Amino acid sequence: MKSFEYVITDPVGIHARPAGVMAKEVKTYKSIVTISKGEKSADARKLMALMGMGIKKDDTVTVTIEGEDEEEVAVKLEQFFKDNF
């Protein structure tokens, strides 16, 4: 299992367009990706679940990756978060 924390810097938080791109990309991985904020968590493949978390600017999220390609996925997702959120 791999995980990393990220503080959202985008002024509107996690919003539909990049979240949709991320959900589509995560579906191509073998690993399971979970996004958590506080007590809430969501499968990163499910756009509506992500949007329902209400993640805003300056919120800290934890991204957890479990599976056979977790090393590669962790690197890709960390860069995706830096580029989009």
PDB file of N, CA and C in Angstrom:
ATOM      1  N   MET A   1       0.836  -1.176   0.000  1.00  0.00           N
ATOM      2  CA  MET A   1       0.000   0.000   0.000  1.00  0.00           C
ATOM      3  C   MET A   1       0.884   1.243   0.000  1.00  0.00           C
ATOM      4  N   LYS A   2       0.543   2.180  -0.850  1.00  0.00           N
ATOM      5  CA  LYS A   2       1.232   3.474  -0.924  1.00  0.00           C
ATOM      6  C   LYS A   2       0.210   4.553  -0.619  1.00  0.00           C
ATOM      7  N   SER A   3       0.674   5.647  -0.025  1.00  0.00           N
ATOM      8  CA  SER A   3      -0.233   6.773   0.186  1.00  0.00           C
ATOM      9  C   SER A   3       0.569   8.058   0.261  1.00  0.00           C
ATOM     10  N   PHE A   4      -0.127   9.161   0.014  1.00  0.00           N
ATOM     11  CA  PHE A   4       0.483  10.481   0.163  1.00  0.00           C
ATOM     12  C   PHE A   4      -0.601  11.462   0.555  1.00  0.00           C
ATOM     13  N   GLU A   5      -0.190  12.538   1.193  1.00  0.00           N
ATOM     14  CA  GLU A   5      -1.110  13.604   1.551  1.00  0.00           C
ATOM     15  C   GLU A   5      -0.865  14.780   0.623  1.00  0.00           C
ATOM     16  N   TYR A   6      -1.934  15.498   0.342  1.00  0.00           N
ATOM     17  CA  TYR A   6      -1.823  16.664  -0.525  1.00  0.00           C
ATOM     18  C   TYR A   6      -2.772  17.745  -0.020  1.00  0.00           C
ATOM     19  N   VAL A   7      -2.288  18.980   0.034  1.00  0.00           N
ATOM     20  CA  VAL A   7      -3.112  20.122   0.397  1.00  0.00           C
ATOM     21  C   VAL A   7      -3.610  20.755  -0.896  1.00  0.00           C
ATOM     22  N   ILE A   8      -4.928  20.828  -1.049  1.00  0.00           N
ATOM     23  CA  ILE A   8      -5.548  21.359  -2.259  1.00  0.00           C
ATOM     24  C   ILE A   8      -5.243  22.855  -2.378  1.00  0.00           C
ATOM     25  N   THR A   9      -4.687  23.260  -3.516  1.00  0.00           N
ATOM     26  CA  THR A   9      -4.327  24.662  -3.733  1.00  0.00           C
ATOM     27  C   THR A   9      -5.232  25.350  -4.740  1.00  0.00           C
ATOM     28  N   ASP A  10      -6.007  24.590  -5.495  1.00  0.00           N
ATOM     29  CA  ASP A  10      -6.915  25.182  -6.480  1.00  0.00           C
ATOM     30  C   ASP A  10      -7.985  25.998  -5.757  1.00  0.00           C
ATOM     31  N   PRO A  11      -8.254  27.216  -6.203  1.00  0.00           N
ATOM     32  CA  PRO A  11      -9.239  28.080  -5.531  1.00  0.00           C
ATOM     33  C   PRO A  11     -10.636  27.476  -5.398  1.00  0.00           C
ATOM     34  N   VAL A  12     -11.026  26.585  -6.296  1.00  0.00           N
ATOM     35  CA  VAL A  12     -12.354  25.973  -6.204  1.00  0.00           C
ATOM     36  C   VAL A  12     -12.312  24.538  -5.680  1.00  0.00           C
ATOM     37  N   GLY A  13     -11.161  24.091  -5.203  1.00  0.00           N
ATOM     38  CA  GLY A  13     -11.046  22.741  -4.647  1.00  0.00           C
ATOM     39  C   GLY A  13     -11.028  21.683  -5.739  1.00  0.00           C
ATOM     40  N   ILE A  14     -11.498  20.491  -5.376  1.00  0.00           N
ATOM     41  CA  ILE A  14     -11.601  19.414  -6.370  1.00  0.00           C
ATOM     42  C   ILE A  14     -12.913  19.637  -7.103  1.00  0.00           C
ATOM     43  N   HIS A  15     -12.810  19.981  -8.380  1.00  0.00           N
ATOM     44  CA  HIS A  15     -13.995  20.284  -9.162  1.00  0.00           C
ATOM     45  C   HIS A  15     -14.142  19.331 -10.335  1.00  0.00           C
ATOM     46  N   ALA A  16     -15.270  19.428 -11.025  1.00  0.00           N
ATOM     47  CA  ALA A  16     -15.720  18.411 -11.970  1.00  0.00           C
ATOM     48  C   ALA A  16     -14.736  18.038 -13.072  1.00  0.00           C
ATOM     49  N   ARG A  17     -14.173  19.016 -13.773  1.00  0.00           N
ATOM     50  CA  ARG A  17     -13.358  18.663 -14.932  1.00  0.00           C
ATOM     51  C   ARG A  17     -12.129  17.828 -14.553  1.00  0.00           C
ATOM     52  N   PRO A  18     -11.249  18.314 -13.671  1.00  0.00           N
ATOM     53  CA  PRO A  18     -10.086  17.483 -13.345  1.00  0.00           C
ATOM     54  C   PRO A  18     -10.456  16.209 -12.581  1.00  0.00           C
ATOM     55  N   ALA A  19     -11.505  16.269 -11.778  1.00  0.00           N
ATOM     56  CA  ALA A  19     -11.935  15.059 -11.066  1.00  0.00           C
ATOM     57  C   ALA A  19     -12.420  14.007 -12.055  1.00  0.00           C
ATOM     58  N   GLY A  20     -13.115  14.447 -13.100  1.00  0.00           N
ATOM     59  CA  GLY A  20     -13.560  13.520 -14.142  1.00  0.00           C
ATOM     60  C   GLY A  20     -12.410  12.900 -14.896  1.00  0.00           C
ATOM     61  N   VAL A  21     -11.404  13.702 -15.206  1.00  0.00           N
ATOM     62  CA  VAL A  21     -10.207  13.194 -15.881  1.00  0.00           C
ATOM     63  C   VAL A  21      -9.512  12.168 -14.984  1.00  0.00           C
ATOM     64  N   MET A  22      -9.396  12.500 -13.699  1.00  0.00           N
ATOM     65  CA  MET A  22      -8.744  11.585 -12.763  1.00  0.00           C
ATOM     66  C   MET A  22      -9.526  10.273 -12.642  1.00  0.00           C
ATOM     67  N   ALA A  23     -10.847  10.351 -12.506  1.00  0.00           N
ATOM     68  CA  ALA A  23     -11.665   9.144 -12.381  1.00  0.00           C
ATOM     69  C   ALA A  23     -11.500   8.244 -13.600  1.00  0.00           C
ATOM     70  N   LYS A  24     -11.498   8.846 -14.778  1.00  0.00           N
ATOM     71  CA  LYS A  24     -11.325   8.082 -16.019  1.00  0.00           C
ATOM     72  C   LYS A  24      -9.948   7.415 -16.059  1.00  0.00           C
ATOM     73  N   GLU A  25      -8.912   8.149 -15.658  1.00  0.00           N
ATOM     74  CA  GLU A  25      -7.550   7.609 -15.658  1.00  0.00           C
ATOM     75  C   GLU A  25      -7.398   6.482 -14.635  1.00  0.00           C
ATOM     76  N   VAL A  26      -7.953   6.686 -13.447  1.00  0.00           N
ATOM     77  CA  VAL A  26      -7.823   5.689 -12.374  1.00  0.00           C
ATOM     78  C   VAL A  26      -8.472   4.362 -12.779  1.00  0.00           C
ATOM     79  N   LYS A  27      -9.516   4.412 -13.597  1.00  0.00           N
ATOM     80  CA  LYS A  27     -10.179   3.189 -14.054  1.00  0.00           C
ATOM     81  C   LYS A  27      -9.255   2.315 -14.887  1.00  0.00           C
ATOM     82  N   THR A  28      -8.189   2.891 -15.447  1.00  0.00           N
ATOM     83  CA  THR A  28      -7.269   2.111 -16.278  1.00  0.00           C
ATOM     84  C   THR A  28      -6.211   1.378 -15.444  1.00  0.00           C
ATOM     85  N   TYR A  29      -6.111   1.698 -14.148  1.00  0.00           N
ATOM     86  CA  TYR A  29      -5.108   1.077 -13.281  1.00  0.00           C
ATOM     87  C   TYR A  29      -5.648  -0.206 -12.668  1.00  0.00           C
ATOM     88  N   LYS A  30      -4.741  -1.088 -12.299  1.00  0.00           N
ATOM     89  CA  LYS A  30      -5.119  -2.311 -11.599  1.00  0.00           C
ATOM     90  C   LYS A  30      -5.336  -2.044 -10.120  1.00  0.00           C
ATOM     91  N   SER A  31      -4.673  -1.039  -9.583  1.00  0.00           N
ATOM     92  CA  SER A  31      -4.771  -0.715  -8.164  1.00  0.00           C
ATOM     93  C   SER A  31      -6.087  -0.010  -7.835  1.00  0.00           C
ATOM     94  N   ILE A  32      -6.481  -0.115  -6.575  1.00  0.00           N
ATOM     95  CA  ILE A  32      -7.632   0.603  -6.044  1.00  0.00           C
ATOM     96  C   ILE A  32      -7.115   1.913  -5.455  1.00  0.00           C
ATOM     97  N   VAL A  33      -7.728   3.027  -5.842  1.00  0.00           N
ATOM     98  CA  VAL A  33      -7.315   4.345  -5.365  1.00  0.00           C
ATOM     99  C   VAL A  33      -8.452   4.938  -4.537  1.00  0.00           C
ATOM    100  N   THR A  34      -8.123   5.351  -3.316  1.00  0.00           N
ATOM    101  CA  THR A  34      -9.106   5.929  -2.409  1.00  0.00           C
ATOM    102  C   THR A  34      -8.645   7.321  -2.002  1.00  0.00           C
ATOM    103  N   ILE A  35      -9.566   8.283  -2.042  1.00  0.00           N
ATOM    104  CA  ILE A  35      -9.297   9.649  -1.604  1.00  0.00           C
ATOM    105  C   ILE A  35     -10.020   9.837  -0.270  1.00  0.00           C
ATOM    106  N   SER A  36      -9.315  10.338   0.749  1.00  0.00           N
ATOM    107  CA  SER A  36      -9.906  10.532   2.075  1.00  0.00           C
ATOM    108  C   SER A  36      -9.695  11.953   2.554  1.00  0.00           C
ATOM    109  N   LYS A  37     -10.713  12.463   3.255  1.00  0.00           N
ATOM    110  CA  LYS A  37     -10.618  13.760   3.931  1.00  0.00           C
ATOM    111  C   LYS A  37     -11.350  13.601   5.250  1.00  0.00           C
ATOM    112  N   GLY A  38     -10.607  13.688   6.350  1.00  0.00           N
ATOM    113  CA  GLY A  38     -11.232  13.474   7.651  1.00  0.00           C
ATOM    114  C   GLY A  38     -11.822  12.077   7.733  1.00  0.00           C
ATOM    115  N   GLU A  39     -13.085  12.002   8.093  1.00  0.00           N
ATOM    116  CA  GLU A  39     -13.772  10.710   8.223  1.00  0.00           C
ATOM    117  C   GLU A  39     -14.349  10.204   6.906  1.00  0.00           C
ATOM    118  N   LYS A  40     -14.389  11.054   5.880  1.00  0.00           N
ATOM    119  CA  LYS A  40     -14.972  10.685   4.593  1.00  0.00           C
ATOM    120  C   LYS A  40     -13.919  10.089   3.672  1.00  0.00           C
ATOM    121  N   SER A  41     -14.349   9.133   2.864  1.00  0.00           N
ATOM    122  CA  SER A  41     -13.465   8.605   1.826  1.00  0.00           C
ATOM    123  C   SER A  41     -14.310   8.190   0.627  1.00  0.00           C
ATOM    124  N   ALA A  42     -13.657   8.162  -0.538  1.00  0.00           N
ATOM    125  CA  ALA A  42     -14.361   7.814  -1.773  1.00  0.00           C
ATOM    126  C   ALA A  42     -13.425   7.075  -2.713  1.00  0.00           C
ATOM    127  N   ASP A  43     -13.991   6.177  -3.474  1.00  0.00           N
ATOM    128  CA  ASP A  43     -13.283   5.488  -4.537  1.00  0.00           C
ATOM    129  C   ASP A  43     -13.020   6.519  -5.632  1.00  0.00           C
ATOM    130  N   ALA A  44     -11.765   6.673  -6.023  1.00  0.00           N
ATOM    131  CA  ALA A  44     -11.400   7.698  -7.005  1.00  0.00           C
ATOM    132  C   ALA A  44     -11.978   7.423  -8.390  1.00  0.00           C
ATOM    133  N   ARG A  45     -12.510   6.224  -8.621  1.00  0.00           N
ATOM    134  CA  ARG A  45     -13.130   5.909  -9.913  1.00  0.00           C
ATOM    135  C   ARG A  45     -14.542   6.470 -10.010  1.00  0.00           C
ATOM    136  N   LYS A  46     -15.098   6.913  -8.885  1.00  0.00           N
ATOM    137  CA  LYS A  46     -16.497   7.353  -8.837  1.00  0.00           C
ATOM    138  C   LYS A  46     -16.576   8.869  -8.700  1.00  0.00           C
ATOM    139  N   LEU A  47     -16.807   9.531  -9.811  1.00  0.00           N
ATOM    140  CA  LEU A  47     -16.819  10.992  -9.867  1.00  0.00           C
ATOM    141  C   LEU A  47     -17.807  11.596  -8.879  1.00  0.00           C
ATOM    142  N   MET A  48     -19.017  11.092  -8.826  1.00  0.00           N
ATOM    143  CA  MET A  48     -20.032  11.675  -7.946  1.00  0.00           C
ATOM    144  C   MET A  48     -19.652  11.514  -6.476  1.00  0.00           C
ATOM    145  N   ALA A  49     -19.020  10.418  -6.133  1.00  0.00           N
ATOM    146  CA  ALA A  49     -18.568  10.228  -4.746  1.00  0.00           C
ATOM    147  C   ALA A  49     -17.490  11.252  -4.403  1.00  0.00           C
ATOM    148  N   LEU A  50     -16.576  11.498  -5.344  1.00  0.00           N
ATOM    149  CA  LEU A  50     -15.534  12.511  -5.132  1.00  0.00           C
ATOM    150  C   LEU A  50     -16.140  13.891  -4.967  1.00  0.00           C
ATOM    151  N   MET A  51     -17.069  14.237  -5.835  1.00  0.00           N
ATOM    152  CA  MET A  51     -17.695  15.549  -5.779  1.00  0.00           C
ATOM    153  C   MET A  51     -18.497  15.716  -4.491  1.00  0.00           C
ATOM    154  N   GLY A  52     -19.079  14.635  -4.023  1.00  0.00           N
ATOM    155  CA  GLY A  52     -19.878  14.665  -2.808  1.00  0.00           C
ATOM    156  C   GLY A  52     -19.075  14.903  -1.542  1.00  0.00           C
ATOM    157  N   MET A  53     -17.767  14.765  -1.620  1.00  0.00           N
ATOM    158  CA  MET A  53     -16.923  14.986  -0.447  1.00  0.00           C
ATOM    159  C   MET A  53     -16.750  16.471  -0.143  1.00  0.00           C
ATOM    160  N   GLY A  54     -17.018  17.321  -1.109  1.00  0.00           N
ATOM    161  CA  GLY A  54     -16.940  18.761  -0.892  1.00  0.00           C
ATOM    162  C   GLY A  54     -15.542  19.240  -0.520  1.00  0.00           C
ATOM    163  N   ILE A  55     -14.533  18.769  -1.235  1.00  0.00           N
ATOM    164  CA  ILE A  55     -13.148  19.138  -0.930  1.00  0.00           C
ATOM    165  C   ILE A  55     -12.860  20.530  -1.470  1.00  0.00           C
ATOM    166  N   LYS A  56     -12.439  21.412  -0.572  1.00  0.00           N
ATOM    167  CA  LYS A  56     -12.204  22.823  -0.887  1.00  0.00           C
ATOM    168  C   LYS A  56     -10.718  23.169  -0.824  1.00  0.00           C
ATOM    169  N   LYS A  57     -10.410  24.395  -1.234  1.00  0.00           N
ATOM    170  CA  LYS A  57      -9.034  24.906  -1.148  1.00  0.00           C
ATOM    171  C   LYS A  57      -8.553  24.805   0.299  1.00  0.00           C
ATOM    172  N   ASP A  58      -7.296  24.450   0.478  1.00  0.00           N
ATOM    173  CA  ASP A  58      -6.611  24.303   1.762  1.00  0.00           C
ATOM    174  C   ASP A  58      -7.013  23.051   2.543  1.00  0.00           C
ATOM    175  N   ASP A  59      -7.906  22.217   2.004  1.00  0.00           N
ATOM    176  CA  ASP A  59      -8.198  20.931   2.643  1.00  0.00           C
ATOM    177  C   ASP A  59      -7.043  19.974   2.372  1.00  0.00           C
ATOM    178  N   THR A  60      -6.756  19.138   3.345  1.00  0.00           N
ATOM    179  CA  THR A  60      -5.732  18.102   3.172  1.00  0.00           C
ATOM    180  C   THR A  60      -6.429  16.789   2.872  1.00  0.00           C
ATOM    181  N   VAL A  61      -6.029  16.157   1.772  1.00  0.00           N
ATOM    182  CA  VAL A  61      -6.579  14.853   1.412  1.00  0.00           C
ATOM    183  C   VAL A  61      -5.471  13.814   1.480  1.00  0.00           C
ATOM    184  N   THR A  62      -5.878  12.582   1.742  1.00  0.00           N
ATOM    185  CA  THR A  62      -4.952  11.458   1.718  1.00  0.00           C
ATOM    186  C   THR A  62      -5.343  10.558   0.552  1.00  0.00           C
ATOM    187  N   VAL A  63      -4.387  10.254  -0.295  1.00  0.00           N
ATOM    188  CA  VAL A  63      -4.609   9.383  -1.441  1.00  0.00           C
ATOM    189  C   VAL A  63      -3.932   8.056  -1.131  1.00  0.00           C
ATOM    190  N   THR A  64      -4.713   6.976  -1.143  1.00  0.00           N
ATOM    191  CA  THR A  64      -4.198   5.647  -0.840  1.00  0.00           C
ATOM    192  C   THR A  64      -4.321   4.774  -2.076  1.00  0.00           C
ATOM    193  N   ILE A  65      -3.238   4.080  -2.409  1.00  0.00           N
ATOM    194  CA  ILE A  65      -3.205   3.219  -3.590  1.00  0.00           C
ATOM    195  C   ILE A  65      -2.834   1.817  -3.142  1.00  0.00           C
ATOM    196  N   GLU A  66      -3.663   0.838  -3.506  1.00  0.00           N
ATOM    197  CA  GLU A  66      -3.391  -0.560  -3.159  1.00  0.00           C
ATOM    198  C   GLU A  66      -3.537  -1.427  -4.397  1.00  0.00           C
ATOM    199  N   GLY A  67      -2.486  -2.192  -4.706  1.00  0.00           N
ATOM    200  CA  GLY A  67      -2.560  -3.100  -5.844  1.00  0.00           C
ATOM    201  C   GLY A  67      -1.198  -3.348  -6.447  1.00  0.00           C
ATOM    202  N   GLU A  68      -1.181  -4.131  -7.507  1.00  0.00           N
ATOM    203  CA  GLU A  68       0.085  -4.564  -8.078  1.00  0.00           C
ATOM    204  C   GLU A  68       0.858  -3.465  -8.797  1.00  0.00           C
ATOM    205  N   ASP A  69       0.183  -2.401  -9.237  1.00  0.00           N
ATOM    206  CA  ASP A  69       0.887  -1.306  -9.914  1.00  0.00           C
ATOM    207  C   ASP A  69       0.936  -0.039  -9.049  1.00  0.00           C
ATOM    208  N   GLU A  70       0.849  -0.207  -7.723  1.00  0.00           N
ATOM    209  CA  GLU A  70       0.743   0.942  -6.809  1.00  0.00           C
ATOM    210  C   GLU A  70       1.931   1.893  -6.867  1.00  0.00           C
ATOM    211  N   GLU A  71       3.129   1.387  -7.073  1.00  0.00           N
ATOM    212  CA  GLU A  71       4.309   2.265  -7.132  1.00  0.00           C
ATOM    213  C   GLU A  71       4.181   3.265  -8.283  1.00  0.00           C
ATOM    214  N   GLU A  72       3.882   2.756  -9.460  1.00  0.00           N
ATOM    215  CA  GLU A  72       3.741   3.584 -10.662  1.00  0.00           C
ATOM    216  C   GLU A  72       2.554   4.540 -10.528  1.00  0.00           C
ATOM    217  N   VAL A  73       1.447   4.040 -10.027  1.00  0.00           N
ATOM    218  CA  VAL A  73       0.235   4.848  -9.881  1.00  0.00           C
ATOM    219  C   VAL A  73       0.454   5.977  -8.876  1.00  0.00           C
ATOM    220  N   ALA A  74       1.140   5.703  -7.783  1.00  0.00           N
ATOM    221  CA  ALA A  74       1.396   6.732  -6.765  1.00  0.00           C
ATOM    222  C   ALA A  74       2.166   7.903  -7.362  1.00  0.00           C
ATOM    223  N   VAL A  75       3.179   7.620  -8.158  1.00  0.00           N
ATOM    224  CA  VAL A  75       3.980   8.670  -8.781  1.00  0.00           C
ATOM    225  C   VAL A  75       3.111   9.486  -9.750  1.00  0.00           C
ATOM    226  N   LYS A  76       2.327   8.804 -10.580  1.00  0.00           N
ATOM    227  CA  LYS A  76       1.475   9.491 -11.555  1.00  0.00           C
ATOM    228  C   LYS A  76       0.423  10.364 -10.873  1.00  0.00           C
ATOM    229  N   LEU A  77      -0.216   9.827  -9.841  1.00  0.00           N
ATOM    230  CA  LEU A  77      -1.268  10.590  -9.177  1.00  0.00           C
ATOM    231  C   LEU A  77      -0.720  11.778  -8.395  1.00  0.00           C
ATOM    232  N   GLU A  78       0.427  11.613  -7.779  1.00  0.00           N
ATOM    233  CA  GLU A  78       1.002  12.738  -7.047  1.00  0.00           C
ATOM    234  C   GLU A  78       1.280  13.893  -8.009  1.00  0.00           C
ATOM    235  N   GLN A  79       1.796  13.576  -9.186  1.00  0.00           N
ATOM    236  CA  GLN A  79       2.043  14.614 -10.184  1.00  0.00           C
ATOM    237  C   GLN A  79       0.723  15.200 -10.693  1.00  0.00           C
ATOM    238  N   PHE A  80      -0.279  14.355 -10.886  1.00  0.00           N
ATOM    239  CA  PHE A  80      -1.594  14.829 -11.338  1.00  0.00           C
ATOM    240  C   PHE A  80      -2.174  15.834 -10.343  1.00  0.00           C
ATOM    241  N   PHE A  81      -2.086  15.516  -9.053  1.00  0.00           N
ATOM    242  CA  PHE A  81      -2.589  16.432  -8.029  1.00  0.00           C
ATOM    243  C   PHE A  81      -1.839  17.763  -8.075  1.00  0.00           C
ATOM    244  N   LYS A  82      -0.530  17.712  -8.226  1.00  0.00           N
ATOM    245  CA  LYS A  82       0.265  18.951  -8.283  1.00  0.00           C
ATOM    246  C   LYS A  82      -0.121  19.786  -9.502  1.00  0.00           C
ATOM    247  N   ASP A  83      -0.407  19.129 -10.617  1.00  0.00           N
ATOM    248  CA  ASP A  83      -0.744  19.830 -11.852  1.00  0.00           C
ATOM    249  C   ASP A  83      -2.188  20.352 -11.888  1.00  0.00           C
ATOM    250  N   ASN A  84      -3.110  19.703 -11.165  1.00  0.00           N
ATOM    251  CA  ASN A  84      -4.530  20.014 -11.329  1.00  0.00           C
ATOM    252  C   ASN A  84      -5.266  20.515 -10.102  1.00  0.00           C
ATOM    253  N   PHE A  85      -4.764  20.220  -8.921  1.00  0.00           N
ATOM    254  CA  PHE A  85      -5.489  20.595  -7.712  1.00  0.00           C
ATOM    255  C   PHE A  85      -4.627  21.471  -6.821  1.00  0.00           C
TER     256      PHE A  85
END
